[in-house]
Protein backbone atom coordinates (compact mmCIF):
# COMPACT_ATOMS: atom_id res chain seq x y z
CA MET A 1 -0.16 -0.19 -0.26
CA ARG A 2 1.26 3.75 -0.40
CA MET A 3 1.28 5.64 2.93
CA LYS A 4 3.16 8.36 4.08
CA THR A 5 6.98 7.40 5.27
CA ALA A 6 6.60 8.90 8.34
CA GLN A 7 3.44 6.25 9.24
CA ILE A 8 5.98 3.83 7.29
CA LEU A 9 8.64 4.10 10.18
CA MET A 10 6.08 3.34 12.77
CA GLU A 11 4.84 0.32 11.21
CA CYS A 12 8.59 -0.59 10.98
CA LEU A 13 8.53 0.19 14.41
CA LEU A 14 5.85 -2.51 14.99
CA GLU A 15 7.27 -5.12 12.71
CA GLN A 16 10.08 -5.38 14.82
CA GLY A 17 7.87 -5.55 18.32
CA VAL A 18 8.85 -2.15 19.63
CA ASP A 19 6.33 -1.25 22.90
CA THR A 20 8.65 1.78 23.68
CA VAL A 21 10.36 4.88 22.23
CA PHE A 22 11.95 7.31 24.52
CA GLY A 23 12.80 10.49 22.84
CA TYR A 24 12.38 14.71 22.63
CA PRO A 25 10.49 16.06 19.37
CA GLY A 26 12.07 19.05 17.31
CA GLY A 27 11.35 20.83 14.05
CA THR A 28 12.40 18.08 11.66
CA ILE A 29 11.54 15.07 13.09
CA LEU A 30 7.26 16.37 13.59
CA ASN A 31 6.14 14.64 10.92
CA VAL A 32 7.61 11.35 12.66
CA TYR A 33 5.54 12.69 16.15
CA ASP A 34 2.27 13.34 14.03
CA GLU A 35 2.43 10.04 13.24
CA PHE A 36 1.36 9.23 17.35
CA GLU A 37 -1.59 11.33 16.92
CA LEU A 38 -2.67 10.83 13.23
CA HIS A 39 -3.02 7.48 12.97
CA GLY A 40 -3.23 6.57 17.01
CA TYR A 41 0.51 5.03 17.29
CA LYS A 42 0.06 6.36 20.76
CA ASP A 43 -2.10 3.47 21.64
CA LYS A 44 0.50 0.56 19.83
CA ILE A 45 3.85 2.32 21.10
CA ARG A 46 4.52 3.70 24.40
CA HIS A 47 6.19 7.12 23.83
CA ILE A 48 8.41 8.48 27.24
CA LEU A 49 9.10 12.12 26.85
CA THR A 50 12.26 12.63 28.80
CA ALA A 51 14.11 15.88 30.38
CA HIS A 52 16.83 16.01 27.64
CA GLU A 53 17.96 13.83 24.84
CA GLN A 54 20.62 12.31 26.43
CA GLY A 55 18.40 11.05 29.36
CA ALA A 56 16.44 9.73 26.46
CA SER A 57 19.46 7.55 24.68
CA HIS A 58 20.56 6.14 28.40
CA ALA A 59 17.12 5.52 28.76
CA ALA A 60 16.97 3.31 25.46
CA ASP A 61 20.37 1.91 26.75
CA GLY A 62 18.82 0.73 29.72
CA TYR A 63 15.84 -0.74 28.62
CA ALA A 64 17.76 -3.00 25.96
CA ARG A 65 20.26 -4.00 28.74
CA ALA A 66 17.45 -5.11 30.89
CA THR A 67 15.80 -6.95 28.99
CA GLY A 68 17.86 -8.20 25.89
CA LYS A 69 15.48 -6.49 23.18
CA VAL A 70 16.64 -3.50 20.57
CA GLY A 71 16.03 -0.17 22.47
CA VAL A 72 14.49 2.85 20.37
CA CYS A 73 15.20 6.37 20.56
CA PHE A 74 14.06 9.57 18.81
CA ALA A 75 15.60 13.10 18.47
CA THR A 76 15.62 15.64 16.24
CA SER A 77 18.42 17.38 14.11
CA GLY A 78 21.06 19.39 14.92
CA PRO A 79 21.59 19.71 18.80
CA GLY A 80 18.95 17.48 19.30
CA ALA A 81 21.10 14.67 17.78
CA THR A 82 24.30 15.78 19.08
CA ASN A 83 22.74 15.31 22.43
CA LEU A 84 22.80 11.62 21.91
CA THR A 85 26.04 11.01 21.08
CA THR A 86 27.71 10.63 25.04
CA GLY A 87 24.46 8.04 25.29
CA ILE A 88 25.48 6.37 21.71
CA ALA A 89 28.85 6.05 22.64
CA THR A 90 28.28 4.39 25.97
CA ALA A 91 26.17 1.54 24.12
CA TYR A 92 28.61 1.32 21.39
CA TYR A 93 31.32 0.37 24.85
CA ASP A 94 29.57 -1.73 26.14
CA SER A 95 27.73 -3.38 22.98
CA SER A 96 24.20 -2.48 23.75
CA PRO A 97 21.87 -2.77 20.82
CA VAL A 98 19.78 0.33 20.49
CA VAL A 99 18.41 2.04 17.01
CA PHE A 100 18.67 5.72 17.62
CA ILE A 101 16.55 7.57 14.62
CA THR A 102 17.13 11.60 13.91
CA CYS A 103 15.95 13.50 11.33
CA ASN A 104 17.93 15.85 9.48
CA VAL A 105 16.64 19.69 7.49
CA SER A 106 15.17 18.87 4.67
CA GLU A 107 17.60 17.58 1.42
CA ASN A 108 18.04 20.60 -0.11
CA LEU A 109 18.94 22.42 2.86
CA ILE A 110 21.94 19.47 3.93
CA GLY A 111 25.63 21.02 3.70
CA LYS A 112 24.41 24.55 3.71
CA ASP A 113 25.07 25.22 7.41
CA SER A 114 21.11 25.26 7.76
CA PHE A 115 19.65 25.85 11.22
CA GLN A 116 19.83 23.41 13.66
CA GLU A 117 21.49 21.13 10.87
CA VAL A 118 24.74 18.80 11.34
CA ASP A 119 26.17 15.72 9.78
CA ILE A 120 24.91 13.17 12.36
CA THR A 121 26.29 10.44 10.53
CA GLY A 122 29.77 12.12 10.55
CA ILE A 123 29.77 12.19 13.91
CA THR A 124 28.84 9.41 15.05
CA MET A 125 30.82 6.88 13.01
CA PRO A 126 33.54 5.67 15.50
CA ILE A 127 30.74 5.13 17.55
CA THR A 128 27.94 2.81 15.83
CA LYS A 129 28.55 -0.31 14.78
CA CYS A 130 26.41 1.74 11.31
CA ASN A 131 24.48 4.20 10.45
CA TYR A 132 22.57 5.90 7.70
CA LEU A 133 21.40 9.03 5.84
CA VAL A 134 18.20 7.97 4.54
CA LYS A 135 17.46 10.39 1.59
CA ASP A 136 15.45 8.39 -0.87
CA PRO A 137 11.73 7.42 0.84
CA ASN A 138 11.40 3.92 -0.80
CA GLN A 139 13.96 3.27 1.20
CA LEU A 140 13.12 3.78 4.63
CA ALA A 141 11.82 0.80 5.16
CA ASP A 142 14.59 -1.74 3.96
CA VAL A 143 17.07 0.85 5.87
CA LEU A 144 15.13 0.36 9.01
CA ARG A 145 14.99 -3.52 8.90
CA GLU A 146 18.82 -3.67 7.97
CA ALA A 147 19.40 -1.58 11.10
CA PHE A 148 17.64 -3.86 13.37
CA ALA A 149 18.98 -6.73 12.23
CA ILE A 150 22.65 -5.20 12.58
CA ALA A 151 21.65 -3.86 16.09
CA ARG A 152 20.76 -7.37 17.61
CA SER A 153 23.25 -9.53 15.69
CA GLY A 154 26.95 -10.38 16.47
CA ARG A 155 28.55 -8.59 18.68
CA PRO A 156 25.32 -6.04 19.47
CA GLY A 157 25.52 -2.59 19.35
CA PRO A 158 24.18 0.76 18.37
CA VAL A 159 22.84 1.98 14.94
CA LEU A 160 21.58 5.56 13.76
CA VAL A 161 19.13 6.15 11.07
CA ASP A 162 19.39 9.75 10.39
CA ILE A 163 16.03 11.00 7.39
CA ALA A 164 15.95 14.13 5.33
CA LYS A 165 13.17 16.01 7.26
CA ASN A 166 11.49 15.91 3.27
CA VAL A 167 11.54 12.03 3.52
CA THR A 168 8.94 12.21 6.34
CA ALA A 169 6.89 13.94 4.26
CA ALA A 170 6.61 11.91 1.21
CA GLU A 171 4.84 9.07 0.18
CA ALA A 172 5.91 5.56 -0.91
CA GLU A 173 5.01 1.98 -1.35
CA TYR A 174 5.34 -0.03 1.82
CA GLU A 175 4.86 -3.81 2.43
CA ARG A 176 4.53 -5.24 5.71
CA LEU A 177 6.31 -7.98 6.41
CA PRO A 178 7.04 -10.50 9.28
CA LEU A 179 9.92 -10.08 11.28
CA SER A 180 11.18 -13.41 10.21
CA GLU A 181 10.47 -12.45 6.37
CA HIS A 182 13.04 -9.51 6.92
CA ALA A 183 16.12 -11.52 5.58
CA ASN A 184 14.96 -12.60 2.65
CA HIS A 185 13.63 -9.43 1.23
CA GLY A 186 15.44 -5.79 0.10
CA ARG A 187 18.77 -4.49 1.38
CA LEU A 188 19.12 -7.06 4.06
CA GLY A 189 18.47 -10.12 2.38
CA ALA A 190 21.10 -8.40 -0.30
CA MET A 191 23.25 -7.92 2.62
CA LEU A 192 22.89 -11.57 3.37
CA ARG A 193 23.77 -13.36 0.14
CA ARG A 194 27.10 -11.56 -0.03
CA ALA A 195 29.55 -14.08 2.02
CA SER A 196 31.31 -10.91 3.36
CA HIS A 197 28.56 -9.64 5.17
CA GLU A 198 26.94 -12.43 7.13
CA LEU A 199 25.13 -11.25 10.65
CA LYS A 200 25.24 -14.74 11.64
CA ALA A 201 27.99 -15.13 14.42
CA PRO A 202 30.93 -17.81 12.99
CA GLU A 203 30.63 -21.14 13.73
CA PRO A 204 33.18 -21.98 16.08
CA ASP A 205 36.36 -24.12 14.51
CA ALA A 206 35.81 -27.64 15.92
CA GLY A 207 39.66 -28.03 15.90
CA ASP A 208 40.09 -24.83 18.47
CA ILE A 209 37.73 -26.41 20.61
CA GLN A 210 39.70 -29.57 20.99
CA THR A 211 42.77 -27.56 21.32
CA LEU A 212 40.93 -25.57 24.35
CA LEU A 213 39.65 -29.33 26.02
CA ASP A 214 43.30 -30.50 25.94
CA MET A 215 44.69 -27.29 27.18
CA ILE A 216 42.32 -27.63 30.22
CA GLU A 217 43.34 -31.48 30.40
CA GLU A 218 47.03 -30.47 30.93
CA ALA A 219 46.18 -27.23 33.63
CA ARG A 220 46.30 -27.64 37.17
CA ARG A 221 45.34 -24.18 38.20
CA PRO A 222 42.79 -22.85 35.87
CA LEU A 223 40.72 -19.73 36.10
CA VAL A 224 37.75 -18.69 34.33
CA LEU A 225 37.15 -14.96 33.90
CA VAL A 226 33.92 -13.68 32.01
CA GLY A 227 32.96 -11.13 30.68
CA GLY A 228 30.10 -8.64 29.12
CA GLY A 229 29.58 -11.16 26.24
CA VAL A 230 28.24 -13.87 27.93
CA ILE A 231 25.55 -11.46 29.56
CA ARG A 232 25.18 -9.89 25.58
CA SER A 233 24.93 -13.32 23.94
CA ARG A 234 21.67 -14.96 24.53
CA GLY A 235 21.36 -17.88 26.18
CA ALA A 236 24.83 -18.26 27.02
CA VAL A 237 24.72 -17.91 30.99
CA SER A 238 22.75 -21.27 31.39
CA GLU A 239 25.61 -22.28 29.12
CA PHE A 240 28.29 -21.12 31.09
CA ARG A 241 27.22 -21.81 34.20
CA LYS A 242 26.73 -25.47 33.19
CA PHE A 243 30.68 -25.02 32.08
CA ILE A 244 31.87 -23.59 35.27
CA GLU A 245 30.43 -26.47 37.58
CA THR A 246 31.35 -29.14 35.14
CA LEU A 247 35.37 -27.22 35.19
CA ASN A 248 34.90 -26.53 39.08
CA ALA A 249 37.87 -24.01 39.08
CA PRO A 250 37.68 -20.67 40.10
CA VAL A 251 35.44 -17.97 38.54
CA ALA A 252 36.33 -14.03 38.26
CA SER A 253 33.77 -11.65 36.46
CA THR A 254 34.95 -8.18 34.73
CA ILE A 255 32.52 -5.60 35.88
CA MET A 256 30.45 -6.28 32.66
CA GLY A 257 30.23 -9.72 33.39
CA GLY A 258 28.48 -9.23 36.36
CA GLY A 259 25.40 -11.76 36.67
CA ALA A 260 27.02 -14.12 34.50
CA CYS A 261 28.15 -16.14 37.73
CA PRO A 262 25.99 -15.81 41.11
CA GLY A 263 27.91 -13.49 43.60
CA ASN A 264 27.21 -15.66 46.42
CA HIS A 265 28.36 -18.96 43.94
CA ARG A 266 30.77 -21.05 45.74
CA LEU A 267 33.73 -20.63 42.64
CA PHE A 268 33.53 -16.98 42.40
CA THR A 269 36.04 -14.62 43.11
CA GLY A 270 34.69 -11.47 42.53
CA MET A 271 35.38 -8.77 40.39
CA ILE A 272 39.43 -8.45 38.54
CA GLY A 273 41.49 -5.82 38.09
CA MET A 274 41.85 -2.26 38.93
CA HIS A 275 39.31 -2.27 42.32
CA GLY A 276 39.19 -6.30 42.34
CA SER A 277 39.16 -8.65 45.01
CA HIS A 278 42.79 -10.24 46.29
CA ALA A 279 41.25 -13.81 45.17
CA SER A 280 40.69 -12.50 41.83
CA ASN A 281 43.53 -10.56 41.04
CA HIS A 282 46.20 -12.86 42.75
CA ALA A 283 44.51 -15.81 40.92
CA SER A 284 44.96 -14.51 37.79
CA ASP A 285 49.02 -13.95 38.50
CA GLN A 286 49.26 -17.64 39.72
CA CYS A 287 47.00 -19.62 37.48
CA ASP A 288 48.59 -21.86 34.62
CA LEU A 289 45.14 -21.71 32.23
CA LEU A 290 43.24 -18.69 32.03
CA ILE A 291 39.72 -18.98 29.89
CA ALA A 292 38.74 -15.73 29.15
CA VAL A 293 35.36 -15.62 27.64
CA GLY A 294 33.35 -12.35 26.03
CA CYS A 295 35.63 -9.64 27.50
CA ARG A 296 37.51 -7.07 26.15
CA PHE A 297 41.12 -7.10 28.90
CA SER A 298 40.85 -3.49 29.00
CA ASP A 299 43.24 -1.57 30.97
CA ARG A 300 40.77 -1.55 33.73
CA VAL A 301 41.09 -5.29 33.96
CA ALA A 302 44.75 -5.73 32.79
CA THR A 303 46.07 -2.77 34.27
CA ASP A 304 49.90 -3.86 32.71
CA PRO A 305 49.29 -6.40 29.87
CA ALA A 306 53.08 -7.25 29.50
CA THR A 307 52.44 -8.68 33.45
CA PHE A 308 48.90 -10.00 33.35
CA ALA A 309 48.85 -13.72 33.73
CA PRO A 310 52.18 -14.03 33.67
CA ASN A 311 52.48 -18.05 34.47
CA ALA A 312 49.42 -18.58 32.52
CA LYS A 313 48.55 -19.86 28.71
CA ILE A 314 45.62 -17.37 28.09
CA VAL A 315 42.92 -18.54 25.92
CA HIS A 316 40.43 -15.83 24.34
CA ILE A 317 37.06 -16.62 23.58
CA ASP A 318 35.07 -13.77 21.88
CA ILE A 319 32.68 -13.17 18.92
CA ASP A 320 34.27 -10.20 17.94
CA ARG A 321 37.62 -11.27 15.76
CA ALA A 322 39.04 -7.58 16.31
CA GLU A 323 39.09 -7.88 19.90
CA ILE A 324 42.00 -11.51 19.60
CA ASP A 325 45.41 -9.73 20.72
CA LYS A 326 44.36 -6.18 20.77
CA ASN A 327 44.84 -5.79 24.41
CA VAL A 328 46.26 -8.95 25.84
CA VAL A 329 48.16 -11.60 23.46
CA THR A 330 46.81 -14.72 23.76
CA ASP A 331 47.85 -18.19 23.29
CA HIS A 332 45.02 -19.68 21.87
CA HIS A 333 41.46 -18.09 20.86
CA ILE A 334 38.01 -19.16 19.73
CA ILE A 335 35.57 -17.05 17.37
CA GLY A 336 31.89 -17.38 17.84
CA ASP A 337 28.74 -16.98 20.05
CA ALA A 338 29.61 -17.21 23.51
CA ARG A 339 26.76 -19.90 23.83
CA ARG A 340 27.71 -21.48 20.98
CA VAL A 341 31.52 -22.06 22.12
CA LEU A 342 30.53 -23.06 25.77
CA GLU A 343 27.54 -25.26 24.27
CA LEU A 344 30.66 -27.30 22.11
CA LEU A 345 32.94 -27.30 24.90
CA ASN A 346 29.87 -28.76 27.63
CA ALA A 347 29.36 -31.46 24.88
CA LYS A 348 32.84 -33.03 25.37
CA LEU A 349 34.04 -31.44 28.83
CA PRO A 350 34.50 -34.12 31.70
CA ALA A 351 34.12 -33.07 35.22
CA HIS A 352 37.24 -31.50 36.75
CA ASP A 353 38.23 -30.06 40.69
CA TYR A 354 41.21 -28.59 41.36
CA PRO A 355 40.54 -29.18 45.57
CA GLU A 356 44.45 -27.44 46.43
CA TRP A 357 44.09 -24.70 43.82
CA LYS A 358 40.64 -23.24 45.10
CA GLN A 359 42.44 -23.55 48.52
CA TRP A 360 44.75 -21.18 47.53
CA VAL A 361 42.80 -18.87 46.26
CA PHE A 362 40.18 -18.73 48.32
CA SER A 363 42.37 -18.08 51.29
CA GLN A 364 43.58 -14.93 50.26
CA LYS A 365 42.48 -12.06 52.85
CA GLU A 366 39.85 -9.36 51.82
CA VAL A 367 38.89 -6.36 53.21
CA SER A 368 37.48 -6.42 56.36
CA LEU A 369 34.11 -4.46 56.69
CA LYS A 370 33.83 -2.02 59.24
CA LYS A 371 30.43 -1.80 61.63
CA ASP A 372 29.64 1.37 63.49
CA GLU A 373 27.45 4.15 64.72
CA ILE A 374 28.06 5.67 60.71
CA LEU A 375 26.55 4.92 57.29
CA HIS A 376 29.30 2.76 55.35
CA PRO A 377 28.75 2.03 51.47
CA HIS A 378 29.00 -1.80 51.97
CA GLU A 379 25.98 -1.89 54.72
CA ILE A 380 23.76 0.37 51.86
CA LEU A 381 24.36 -2.50 49.05
CA GLU A 382 23.97 -5.29 51.63
CA THR A 383 20.66 -3.94 52.76
CA ILE A 384 19.42 -3.27 49.50
CA GLN A 385 20.19 -6.89 48.72
CA ALA A 386 18.46 -8.01 52.27
CA VAL A 387 15.21 -6.22 51.64
CA THR A 388 15.27 -7.00 48.00
CA ASP A 389 15.98 -11.17 48.25
CA GLY A 390 18.68 -10.12 46.12
CA ASP A 391 16.02 -9.30 43.39
CA ALA A 392 16.43 -5.97 42.67
CA ILE A 393 17.72 -4.44 39.33
CA ILE A 394 20.59 -1.96 39.98
CA ALA A 395 21.33 0.94 37.79
CA THR A 396 24.58 2.88 38.64
CA ASP A 397 26.32 6.18 37.68
CA VAL A 398 30.12 5.95 37.57
CA GLY A 399 32.01 6.63 40.38
CA GLN A 400 32.91 4.59 43.99
CA HIS A 401 29.37 3.81 43.95
CA GLN A 402 29.75 1.93 40.84
CA MET A 403 32.61 -0.26 42.25
CA TRP A 404 30.53 -0.54 45.91
CA CYS A 405 28.06 -1.87 43.76
CA ALA A 406 30.10 -4.17 41.75
CA GLN A 407 31.70 -5.69 45.11
CA TYR A 408 28.74 -5.62 47.65
CA TYR A 409 25.83 -6.70 45.65
CA HIS A 410 25.33 -10.34 44.53
CA PHE A 411 23.86 -10.23 40.89
CA SER A 412 22.67 -13.18 40.07
CA ARG A 413 20.81 -12.93 36.51
CA PRO A 414 21.53 -10.98 33.57
CA GLY A 415 20.11 -7.68 32.85
CA GLN A 416 20.45 -7.08 36.53
CA PHE A 417 23.20 -4.83 36.86
CA ILE A 418 23.24 -1.75 34.51
CA THR A 419 26.28 0.60 34.04
CA SER A 420 28.20 2.17 31.83
CA GLY A 421 31.51 0.28 31.84
CA GLY A 422 33.64 1.29 28.92
CA PHE A 423 32.51 4.38 28.11
CA GLY A 424 32.35 5.49 32.02
CA THR A 425 29.49 7.78 32.10
CA MET A 426 28.59 10.60 34.74
CA GLY A 427 24.99 11.12 33.82
CA PHE A 428 23.77 7.43 32.85
CA GLY A 429 22.30 6.10 35.77
CA LEU A 430 18.47 7.32 36.33
CA GLY A 431 18.13 7.17 32.17
CA ALA A 432 18.95 3.58 32.37
CA ALA A 433 17.24 3.19 35.75
CA MET A 434 14.44 4.12 33.75
CA GLY A 435 14.68 2.50 30.64
CA ALA A 436 15.25 -0.79 32.79
CA SER A 437 11.79 -0.11 35.12
CA VAL A 438 10.24 0.61 31.44
CA GLY A 439 10.81 -2.72 30.36
CA ASN A 440 10.30 -4.76 33.71
CA PRO A 441 7.22 -3.27 35.28
CA GLY A 442 6.79 -4.98 38.85
CA LYS A 443 10.58 -5.29 39.35
CA VAL A 444 12.46 -2.77 42.16
CA VAL A 445 14.89 -0.91 40.13
CA VAL A 446 17.59 1.07 41.80
CA GLN A 447 19.12 3.61 40.71
CA CYS A 448 22.79 3.94 43.13
CA THR A 449 24.53 7.13 42.16
CA GLY A 450 27.20 9.69 44.03
CA ASP A 451 26.23 13.53 44.59
CA GLY A 452 28.35 14.34 41.71
CA CYS A 453 26.77 12.13 39.98
CA PHE A 454 23.25 12.82 40.51
CA ARG A 455 23.62 16.53 39.70
CA MET A 456 24.15 15.79 36.09
CA ASN A 457 20.81 13.95 35.67
CA CYS A 458 18.37 14.73 38.42
CA HIS A 459 16.62 16.84 35.90
CA GLU A 460 14.98 13.16 34.87
CA LEU A 461 13.28 12.93 38.18
CA CYS A 462 10.49 14.97 36.45
CA THR A 463 10.27 11.98 33.67
CA ALA A 464 9.75 9.41 36.60
CA GLU A 465 7.33 11.40 38.06
CA HIS A 466 5.09 12.32 35.42
CA TYR A 467 4.68 8.62 33.83
CA ASN A 468 5.13 7.09 37.52
CA ILE A 469 8.18 5.17 36.97
CA PRO A 470 9.01 3.44 40.28
CA VAL A 471 12.77 4.30 40.60
CA ILE A 472 14.51 4.25 43.75
CA THR A 473 17.30 6.56 43.86
CA VAL A 474 20.00 5.77 45.98
CA ILE A 475 22.44 8.98 46.66
CA PHE A 476 25.94 7.74 48.31
CA ASN A 477 26.55 11.75 49.16
CA ASN A 478 30.09 12.42 50.43
CA ARG A 479 29.97 15.66 49.11
CA THR A 480 32.73 15.62 46.84
CA LEU A 481 33.56 14.11 43.56
CA GLY A 482 34.75 10.73 45.61
CA MET A 483 36.85 8.06 42.58
CA VAL A 484 38.34 11.80 41.79
CA ARG A 485 39.31 12.72 45.24
CA GLN A 486 40.54 8.87 46.35
CA TRP A 487 43.32 8.91 43.28
CA GLN A 488 44.00 12.29 44.73
CA ASN A 489 44.56 11.29 48.11
CA LEU A 490 46.34 8.04 47.12
CA ILE A 491 48.72 9.56 44.35
CA TYR A 492 48.42 13.16 44.30
CA ASN A 493 49.74 13.59 47.88
CA LYS A 494 46.22 15.24 49.10
CA ARG A 495 46.29 17.72 46.74
CA PHE A 496 42.27 17.91 46.63
CA SER A 497 41.81 20.15 43.47
CA GLN A 498 38.49 21.14 42.51
CA THR A 499 36.94 17.77 43.85
CA ASP A 500 34.89 19.55 47.20
CA LEU A 501 30.99 19.69 46.01
CA ASP A 502 30.33 22.67 48.72
CA ARG A 503 27.16 23.23 47.09
CA GLY A 504 23.97 22.91 46.88
CA PRO A 505 21.21 21.77 46.02
CA ASP A 506 19.49 20.11 48.88
CA PHE A 507 18.37 16.78 47.07
CA VAL A 508 15.27 15.91 49.49
CA LYS A 509 14.01 19.60 48.49
CA LEU A 510 15.04 19.04 45.20
CA ALA A 511 12.77 15.57 44.66
CA GLU A 512 10.37 17.27 46.79
CA ALA A 513 9.95 20.05 44.08
CA TYR A 514 9.46 17.36 41.78
CA GLY A 515 6.67 15.57 43.54
CA ILE A 516 8.88 12.67 44.82
CA GLN A 517 9.54 11.98 48.38
CA GLY A 518 12.52 12.27 49.40
CA GLU A 519 14.48 10.90 52.77
CA ARG A 520 18.03 11.32 54.45
CA ALA A 521 19.93 8.63 56.36
CA ALA A 522 22.57 8.92 58.44
CA THR A 523 22.35 5.51 59.93
CA GLN A 524 21.98 1.80 58.33
CA PRO A 525 18.85 1.50 60.49
CA GLU A 526 17.91 5.05 59.60
CA PHE A 527 18.82 3.83 55.66
CA GLU A 528 17.10 0.33 55.90
CA ALA A 529 13.79 1.66 56.99
CA ALA A 530 13.35 4.50 54.46
CA PHE A 531 14.42 2.04 51.67
CA ARG A 532 11.63 -0.34 53.13
CA ARG A 533 9.07 2.94 52.52
CA ALA A 534 10.40 3.21 49.14
CA VAL A 535 9.55 -0.19 48.19
CA ALA A 536 6.09 -0.07 49.85
CA ALA A 537 5.40 3.07 47.93
CA GLY A 538 5.75 1.79 44.77
CA LYS A 539 6.38 5.09 43.31
CA PRO A 540 9.87 6.82 42.31
CA TYR A 541 11.52 8.14 45.59
CA VAL A 542 14.74 9.55 46.53
CA ILE A 543 16.87 8.30 49.75
CA GLU A 544 20.09 10.56 50.14
CA CYS A 545 23.13 8.92 52.42
CA ALA A 546 25.23 10.35 54.12
CA ILE A 547 28.78 8.53 53.69
CA ASP A 548 32.34 9.48 55.36
CA LYS A 549 34.12 12.13 52.69
CA ASP A 550 37.10 9.66 52.75
CA ALA A 551 35.43 6.67 52.48
CA MET A 552 37.41 4.85 49.62
CA VAL A 553 37.06 1.81 47.21
CA HIS A 554 39.47 -1.20 49.11
CA PRO A 555 41.24 -2.71 47.22
CA MET A 556 43.00 -0.52 44.34
CA VAL A 557 45.93 -1.46 41.80
CA SER A 558 47.24 1.77 40.46
CA ALA A 559 46.79 2.13 36.32
CA GLY A 560 49.65 0.86 34.52
CA THR A 561 51.22 -1.54 37.30
CA PRO A 562 50.43 -5.59 37.74
CA VAL A 563 47.27 -6.55 39.37
CA THR A 564 48.82 -7.23 42.29
CA ASP A 565 50.36 -4.33 43.23
CA PHE A 566 47.71 -2.91 45.51
CA ILE A 567 48.38 0.59 46.11
CA LEU A 568 45.44 0.31 48.99
CA ASP A 569 44.50 -3.30 50.92
């Protein structure tokens, strides 16, 4: 049938099963927004109007991470589009599937420095899997189908579709296709017919699988390192858990791998790297075989690549060939989707056990936790864990509170820990928490944030209040940029340059200004009581927690040094 291209866009979203869009309108995208009213798409697709485009980008990202579906975000041209770039980069670094749809000025105005014109495809080229500028109305449906397929396939990631405004006002032929038929038609079908553009993950090499099985047979001190690739791969977590139970060796995690191995599992040693546990870091130093599944060996994990796992044969399992030997030189690698590789390993792996090795690993001393009259970060996380039976979804901003969440909350499933691991985006948390809550109605969603980060996204409280998105915001308020102060304390001889946040607002009054209940807590009993009230309320809530200005993340390894050289125990 023939219809307006803006309506075709909405129909394509329905083809993909999209039920929620986060966005912010503007002049060039008005034809698209008009469709919500003109043809009743507001009754088929829920639109969440955020306070800022960046909040919309993080909300779409959080929705994707928490549901496993592709997130969708709308924005207008110029500053509307550029306000998405931080969110796009955040999704890119953490392999989160989001389709960003922007509209540019009309085709005859492109390249003329027109009002609110920007080359958003050029700007986002390094931080998207693929992007498009649509100038032909007849190509829009094909482009959108291809964009969603690319976003969710292989190593997931963000895709941007920019549409000239005149295209959204034009008409074109549209044939509704079920999702199962997209790969057989149009641009997507043509791309899949080209051998160099296979969207399916490569089938792991049988010889590579056998080589790893032989290496496991020879090992006496193996360590498994799990990363975000296991979380992103559909069905990989169950295969991963079967693998570690059979191997029966210690398991460490990157921050993005949180939830792949339950935090209270008998084999779990905790996070590895700059703020990794003693058990994980020492295990990586003494193991003779390191099996890394779906991780990037970033500088926060392999703090000094030259000395990382010095006694081990390193095996890297990853879907992205570009990650192999990029940061850490490996002895063996397997290219493929984590689920499929683990499935093949599990089919042949016999039961193992390493009692002496495990006893040594778990004997490594860990940080003793303080218990006194003041409120400590670990008590906040332990209380959230206890009150929600460990079922809450935790979204964070970036800094000390993020590390405390990774250390002290026992994540048990994929999509439960939503954090900006690769890009380290302050201001990510509230938008991501809203997206996670919208995608998981009925689940308790907690945004853990610092006072510095919260200042960067607190305007989104109006979004949470308006749509009654029941995010509980817990502010770790130490009146400073805590992680930066920690570095200044330990490395810069206590020169605390520009890190004190000796200014407003009053966070409780701010919450109340947005029509949201706010409370303060200075002790563990006060926090527990406030948090129980927040859970029972079932609506947005803000709890400000007063913590010590010099509370630190223990342990800590300095950048560029071996992971066992702790400068803070």
